[in-house]
Amino acid sequence: MRVLLATLTLSFLLLPARGDAATLRCGSNLVADGASKTDVLLKCGEPSAKESRTESDAVKQRQGEKNDSTTTERVVQKTIEEWTYNFGSNRLIQVAVFENGKLVDVRSGGYGR
């Protein structure tokens, strides 16, 4: 019995940790990080609300050797969409966050209606 317990404990410690992974459960379907909006629509259906915005990020690039380098900065536009799913009063509201069409985060809200 001790050997089994030690083996199971060691197995869990060796598994890679994915604490920041975004997952959304829709009934028996599961949608994970990197899923497209189409995949989420197929597995979860239409959300009860959608919001969209555009954000700009400055990206610095270094070119050349360490002592003789040039740094350039360019602005990158990204589209952020938040889809709200209300699965009823027995489940928490889920907000799926997409960046440029890919699922990057899932946040929980209060209980639905």
N, C-alpha and C. Protein backbone atom coordinates (compact mmCIF):
# COMPACT_ATOMS: atom_id res chain seq x y z
N MET A 1 0.82 -1.20 0.00
CA MET A 1 0.00 0.00 0.00
C MET A 1 0.87 1.27 0.00
N ARG A 2 1.94 1.23 0.79
CA ARG A 2 2.83 2.39 0.84
C ARG A 2 3.51 2.62 -0.51
N VAL A 3 3.86 1.53 -1.17
CA VAL A 3 4.52 1.66 -2.47
C VAL A 3 3.56 2.31 -3.47
N LEU A 4 2.31 1.92 -3.46
CA LEU A 4 1.32 2.50 -4.35
C LEU A 4 1.14 3.99 -4.07
N LEU A 5 1.03 4.36 -2.81
CA LEU A 5 0.88 5.75 -2.43
C LEU A 5 2.11 6.58 -2.84
N ALA A 6 3.29 6.03 -2.63
CA ALA A 6 4.52 6.74 -3.02
C ALA A 6 4.59 6.89 -4.53
N THR A 7 4.20 5.88 -5.27
CA THR A 7 4.21 5.94 -6.74
C THR A 7 3.23 6.99 -7.25
N LEU A 8 2.04 7.02 -6.70
CA LEU A 8 1.05 8.02 -7.11
C LEU A 8 1.52 9.43 -6.80
N THR A 9 2.08 9.62 -5.62
CA THR A 9 2.58 10.94 -5.23
C THR A 9 3.68 11.40 -6.17
N LEU A 10 4.61 10.52 -6.47
CA LEU A 10 5.70 10.85 -7.38
C LEU A 10 5.18 11.14 -8.78
N SER A 11 4.19 10.39 -9.22
CA SER A 11 3.62 10.61 -10.56
C SER A 11 3.02 12.01 -10.68
N PHE A 12 2.30 12.46 -9.66
CA PHE A 12 1.70 13.79 -9.68
C PHE A 12 2.76 14.88 -9.66
N LEU A 13 3.85 14.65 -8.97
CA LEU A 13 4.91 15.64 -8.91
C LEU A 13 5.64 15.78 -10.24
N LEU A 14 5.69 14.71 -11.01
CA LEU A 14 6.40 14.74 -12.28
C LEU A 14 5.55 15.28 -13.43
N LEU A 15 4.25 15.40 -13.23
CA LEU A 15 3.38 15.94 -14.28
C LEU A 15 3.66 17.42 -14.46
N PRO A 16 3.65 17.91 -15.71
CA PRO A 16 3.86 19.34 -15.91
C PRO A 16 2.71 20.15 -15.34
N ALA A 17 3.03 21.27 -14.73
CA ALA A 17 2.01 22.13 -14.14
C ALA A 17 1.46 23.08 -15.20
N ARG A 18 0.14 23.22 -15.27
CA ARG A 18 -0.50 24.16 -16.19
C ARG A 18 -1.50 25.00 -15.41
N GLY A 19 -1.01 25.73 -14.44
CA GLY A 19 -1.88 26.51 -13.58
C GLY A 19 -2.53 27.68 -14.29
N ASP A 20 -1.94 28.16 -15.37
CA ASP A 20 -2.48 29.33 -16.04
C ASP A 20 -3.26 28.98 -17.30
N ALA A 21 -3.61 27.74 -17.45
CA ALA A 21 -4.32 27.31 -18.65
C ALA A 21 -5.78 27.76 -18.59
N ALA A 22 -6.28 28.24 -19.71
CA ALA A 22 -7.67 28.65 -19.82
C ALA A 22 -8.49 27.48 -20.33
N THR A 23 -9.51 27.09 -19.59
CA THR A 23 -10.41 26.04 -20.04
C THR A 23 -11.85 26.47 -19.77
N LEU A 24 -12.72 26.09 -20.67
CA LEU A 24 -14.14 26.42 -20.57
C LEU A 24 -14.93 25.13 -20.77
N ARG A 25 -15.75 24.78 -19.78
CA ARG A 25 -16.59 23.59 -19.88
C ARG A 25 -17.99 24.01 -20.29
N CYS A 26 -18.46 23.41 -21.38
CA CYS A 26 -19.80 23.66 -21.91
C CYS A 26 -20.51 22.32 -21.99
N GLY A 27 -21.29 21.98 -20.98
CA GLY A 27 -21.92 20.66 -20.93
C GLY A 27 -20.85 19.60 -20.82
N SER A 28 -20.82 18.68 -21.78
CA SER A 28 -19.79 17.64 -21.77
C SER A 28 -18.59 18.04 -22.63
N ASN A 29 -18.61 19.22 -23.23
CA ASN A 29 -17.50 19.69 -24.07
C ASN A 29 -16.52 20.52 -23.26
N LEU A 30 -15.25 20.45 -23.64
CA LEU A 30 -14.22 21.22 -22.99
C LEU A 30 -13.42 21.96 -24.06
N VAL A 31 -13.22 23.25 -23.85
CA VAL A 31 -12.47 24.09 -24.78
C VAL A 31 -11.26 24.63 -24.03
N ALA A 32 -10.07 24.54 -24.63
CA ALA A 32 -8.84 24.93 -23.94
C ALA A 32 -8.10 26.05 -24.67
N ASP A 33 -7.03 26.53 -24.01
CA ASP A 33 -6.15 27.56 -24.57
C ASP A 33 -5.90 27.37 -26.06
N GLY A 34 -5.94 28.45 -26.80
CA GLY A 34 -5.61 28.39 -28.22
C GLY A 34 -6.76 28.02 -29.13
N ALA A 35 -7.90 27.67 -28.56
CA ALA A 35 -9.06 27.31 -29.38
C ALA A 35 -9.53 28.53 -30.18
N SER A 36 -10.03 28.28 -31.36
CA SER A 36 -10.54 29.37 -32.20
C SER A 36 -11.95 29.74 -31.75
N LYS A 37 -12.40 30.90 -32.19
CA LYS A 37 -13.77 31.33 -31.88
C LYS A 37 -14.77 30.35 -32.49
N THR A 38 -14.47 29.83 -33.66
CA THR A 38 -15.36 28.86 -34.30
C THR A 38 -15.50 27.60 -33.46
N ASP A 39 -14.39 27.12 -32.92
CA ASP A 39 -14.42 25.92 -32.07
C ASP A 39 -15.26 26.16 -30.83
N VAL A 40 -15.11 27.33 -30.21
CA VAL A 40 -15.91 27.66 -29.03
C VAL A 40 -17.39 27.75 -29.40
N LEU A 41 -17.71 28.37 -30.53
CA LEU A 41 -19.11 28.45 -30.97
C LEU A 41 -19.70 27.06 -31.18
N LEU A 42 -18.95 26.17 -31.80
CA LEU A 42 -19.45 24.82 -32.06
C LEU A 42 -19.68 24.04 -30.78
N LYS A 43 -18.82 24.22 -29.78
CA LYS A 43 -18.92 23.44 -28.55
C LYS A 43 -19.81 24.09 -27.50
N CYS A 44 -19.90 25.41 -27.51
CA CYS A 44 -20.63 26.11 -26.44
C CYS A 44 -21.85 26.88 -26.93
N GLY A 45 -21.97 27.09 -28.23
CA GLY A 45 -23.09 27.86 -28.76
C GLY A 45 -22.84 29.35 -28.68
N GLU A 46 -23.87 30.12 -29.01
CA GLU A 46 -23.77 31.58 -28.99
C GLU A 46 -23.69 32.07 -27.54
N PRO A 47 -22.81 33.02 -27.26
CA PRO A 47 -22.76 33.59 -25.92
C PRO A 47 -23.95 34.53 -25.70
N SER A 48 -24.23 34.84 -24.44
CA SER A 48 -25.32 35.76 -24.14
C SER A 48 -24.91 37.21 -24.38
N ALA A 49 -23.59 37.49 -24.41
CA ALA A 49 -23.10 38.84 -24.69
C ALA A 49 -21.70 38.76 -25.30
N LYS A 50 -21.39 39.75 -26.15
CA LYS A 50 -20.07 39.86 -26.77
C LYS A 50 -19.60 41.31 -26.67
N GLU A 51 -18.34 41.49 -26.31
CA GLU A 51 -17.73 42.82 -26.30
C GLU A 51 -16.41 42.72 -27.06
N SER A 52 -16.06 43.79 -27.78
CA SER A 52 -14.84 43.80 -28.56
C SER A 52 -14.12 45.14 -28.42
N ARG A 53 -12.79 45.08 -28.39
CA ARG A 53 -11.99 46.30 -28.33
C ARG A 53 -10.65 46.04 -29.01
N THR A 54 -9.98 47.12 -29.39
CA THR A 54 -8.65 47.02 -29.99
C THR A 54 -7.65 47.65 -29.03
N GLU A 55 -6.52 46.96 -28.82
CA GLU A 55 -5.46 47.46 -27.96
C GLU A 55 -4.18 47.56 -28.77
N SER A 56 -3.32 48.48 -28.37
CA SER A 56 -2.03 48.67 -29.02
C SER A 56 -0.92 48.34 -28.03
N ASP A 57 0.09 47.62 -28.50
CA ASP A 57 1.27 47.31 -27.69
C ASP A 57 2.51 47.77 -28.43
N ALA A 58 3.44 48.35 -27.70
CA ALA A 58 4.73 48.72 -28.28
C ALA A 58 5.69 47.55 -28.12
N VAL A 59 6.28 47.12 -29.23
CA VAL A 59 7.21 46.00 -29.23
C VAL A 59 8.58 46.52 -29.63
N LYS A 60 9.58 46.25 -28.78
CA LYS A 60 10.94 46.68 -29.08
C LYS A 60 11.72 45.53 -29.68
N GLN A 61 12.51 45.85 -30.71
CA GLN A 61 13.35 44.86 -31.37
C GLN A 61 14.78 45.37 -31.40
N ARG A 62 15.72 44.51 -31.02
CA ARG A 62 17.13 44.86 -31.05
C ARG A 62 17.78 44.16 -32.24
N GLN A 63 18.56 44.93 -32.99
CA GLN A 63 19.26 44.39 -34.16
C GLN A 63 20.74 44.69 -34.03
N GLY A 64 21.56 43.77 -34.47
CA GLY A 64 23.00 43.98 -34.47
C GLY A 64 23.68 43.31 -33.30
N GLU A 65 24.99 43.60 -33.16
CA GLU A 65 25.80 43.04 -32.09
C GLU A 65 25.49 43.73 -30.76
N LYS A 66 25.97 43.13 -29.68
CA LYS A 66 25.67 43.63 -28.34
C LYS A 66 26.13 45.08 -28.14
N ASN A 67 27.37 45.41 -28.55
CA ASN A 67 27.90 46.77 -28.36
C ASN A 67 27.50 47.72 -29.47
N ASP A 68 27.12 47.17 -30.60
CA ASP A 68 26.79 47.99 -31.77
C ASP A 68 25.38 47.63 -32.24
N SER A 69 24.39 47.83 -31.36
CA SER A 69 23.03 47.42 -31.71
C SER A 69 22.12 48.63 -31.85
N THR A 70 21.05 48.39 -32.58
CA THR A 70 20.04 49.40 -32.78
C THR A 70 18.71 48.84 -32.27
N THR A 71 18.00 49.65 -31.53
CA THR A 71 16.69 49.23 -31.03
C THR A 71 15.61 50.00 -31.77
N THR A 72 14.67 49.25 -32.30
CA THR A 72 13.53 49.87 -32.96
C THR A 72 12.26 49.49 -32.21
N GLU A 73 11.27 50.33 -32.32
CA GLU A 73 10.00 50.09 -31.66
C GLU A 73 8.89 50.18 -32.69
N ARG A 74 7.98 49.20 -32.62
CA ARG A 74 6.84 49.25 -33.52
C ARG A 74 5.58 48.98 -32.70
N VAL A 75 4.48 49.46 -33.21
CA VAL A 75 3.19 49.31 -32.52
C VAL A 75 2.43 48.15 -33.17
N VAL A 76 1.97 47.25 -32.32
CA VAL A 76 1.22 46.07 -32.77
C VAL A 76 -0.21 46.20 -32.27
N GLN A 77 -1.17 46.06 -33.17
CA GLN A 77 -2.59 46.12 -32.82
C GLN A 77 -3.09 44.70 -32.54
N LYS A 78 -3.91 44.55 -31.50
CA LYS A 78 -4.54 43.26 -31.25
C LYS A 78 -6.01 43.50 -30.90
N THR A 79 -6.84 42.57 -31.33
CA THR A 79 -8.27 42.63 -31.07
C THR A 79 -8.59 41.72 -29.89
N ILE A 80 -9.23 42.29 -28.88
CA ILE A 80 -9.64 41.55 -27.70
C ILE A 80 -11.17 41.42 -27.73
N GLU A 81 -11.66 40.19 -27.59
CA GLU A 81 -13.10 39.95 -27.51
C GLU A 81 -13.40 39.20 -26.22
N GLU A 82 -14.48 39.59 -25.57
CA GLU A 82 -14.94 38.89 -24.38
C GLU A 82 -16.35 38.38 -24.63
N TRP A 83 -16.50 37.07 -24.52
CA TRP A 83 -17.79 36.43 -24.72
C TRP A 83 -18.29 35.95 -23.36
N THR A 84 -19.51 36.34 -23.00
CA THR A 84 -20.09 35.95 -21.71
C THR A 84 -21.07 34.82 -21.91
N TYR A 85 -20.87 33.74 -21.13
CA TYR A 85 -21.77 32.59 -21.15
C TYR A 85 -22.48 32.48 -19.81
N ASN A 86 -23.82 32.46 -19.85
CA ASN A 86 -24.64 32.31 -18.67
C ASN A 86 -25.30 30.94 -18.76
N PHE A 87 -24.80 29.99 -17.95
CA PHE A 87 -25.27 28.61 -18.02
C PHE A 87 -26.38 28.32 -17.01
N GLY A 88 -26.95 29.36 -16.40
CA GLY A 88 -28.07 29.16 -15.48
C GLY A 88 -27.69 29.42 -14.03
N SER A 89 -28.70 29.33 -13.16
CA SER A 89 -28.53 29.73 -11.76
C SER A 89 -27.67 28.76 -10.94
N ASN A 90 -27.43 27.57 -11.45
CA ASN A 90 -26.63 26.60 -10.70
C ASN A 90 -25.15 26.64 -11.07
N ARG A 91 -24.79 27.48 -12.03
CA ARG A 91 -23.39 27.56 -12.47
C ARG A 91 -22.93 29.00 -12.52
N LEU A 92 -21.62 29.18 -12.40
CA LEU A 92 -21.04 30.52 -12.49
C LEU A 92 -21.03 31.00 -13.93
N ILE A 93 -21.20 32.30 -14.10
CA ILE A 93 -21.06 32.91 -15.41
C ILE A 93 -19.60 32.77 -15.85
N GLN A 94 -19.37 32.46 -17.11
CA GLN A 94 -18.02 32.30 -17.64
C GLN A 94 -17.78 33.35 -18.72
N VAL A 95 -16.63 34.01 -18.66
CA VAL A 95 -16.25 34.99 -19.66
C VAL A 95 -15.03 34.46 -20.40
N ALA A 96 -15.20 34.16 -21.68
CA ALA A 96 -14.11 33.68 -22.53
C ALA A 96 -13.45 34.89 -23.18
N VAL A 97 -12.13 35.00 -23.03
CA VAL A 97 -11.38 36.13 -23.57
C VAL A 97 -10.55 35.64 -24.76
N PHE A 98 -10.75 36.29 -25.90
CA PHE A 98 -10.02 35.95 -27.12
C PHE A 98 -9.07 37.07 -27.48
N GLU A 99 -7.89 36.72 -27.94
CA GLU A 99 -6.93 37.69 -28.45
C GLU A 99 -6.63 37.30 -29.89
N ASN A 100 -6.96 38.19 -30.82
CA ASN A 100 -6.79 37.92 -32.25
C ASN A 100 -7.41 36.58 -32.65
N GLY A 101 -8.59 36.28 -32.10
CA GLY A 101 -9.35 35.11 -32.51
C GLY A 101 -9.02 33.82 -31.79
N LYS A 102 -8.09 33.85 -30.83
CA LYS A 102 -7.70 32.64 -30.10
C LYS A 102 -8.04 32.81 -28.61
N LEU A 103 -8.53 31.74 -28.00
CA LEU A 103 -8.87 31.75 -26.59
C LEU A 103 -7.60 31.87 -25.74
N VAL A 104 -7.56 32.91 -24.87
CA VAL A 104 -6.38 33.13 -24.03
C VAL A 104 -6.69 33.11 -22.55
N ASP A 105 -7.96 33.28 -22.17
CA ASP A 105 -8.30 33.31 -20.75
C ASP A 105 -9.77 33.01 -20.57
N VAL A 106 -10.11 32.45 -19.42
CA VAL A 106 -11.51 32.23 -19.02
C VAL A 106 -11.63 32.71 -17.58
N ARG A 107 -12.57 33.63 -17.35
CA ARG A 107 -12.81 34.18 -16.02
C ARG A 107 -14.22 33.79 -15.56
N SER A 108 -14.34 33.59 -14.27
CA SER A 108 -15.64 33.25 -13.69
C SER A 108 -16.25 34.48 -13.03
N GLY A 109 -17.57 34.61 -13.15
CA GLY A 109 -18.30 35.69 -12.49
C GLY A 109 -19.20 35.10 -11.43
N GLY A 110 -20.25 35.81 -11.11
CA GLY A 110 -21.23 35.33 -10.14
C GLY A 110 -22.12 34.26 -10.77
N TYR A 111 -23.07 33.80 -9.97
CA TYR A 111 -24.00 32.78 -10.49
C TYR A 111 -24.93 33.40 -11.52
N GLY A 112 -25.26 32.60 -12.52
CA GLY A 112 -26.14 33.06 -13.59
C GLY A 112 -27.59 33.12 -13.15
N ARG A 113 -28.46 33.37 -14.12
CA ARG A 113 -29.89 33.47 -13.87
C ARG A 113 -30.62 32.45 -14.67
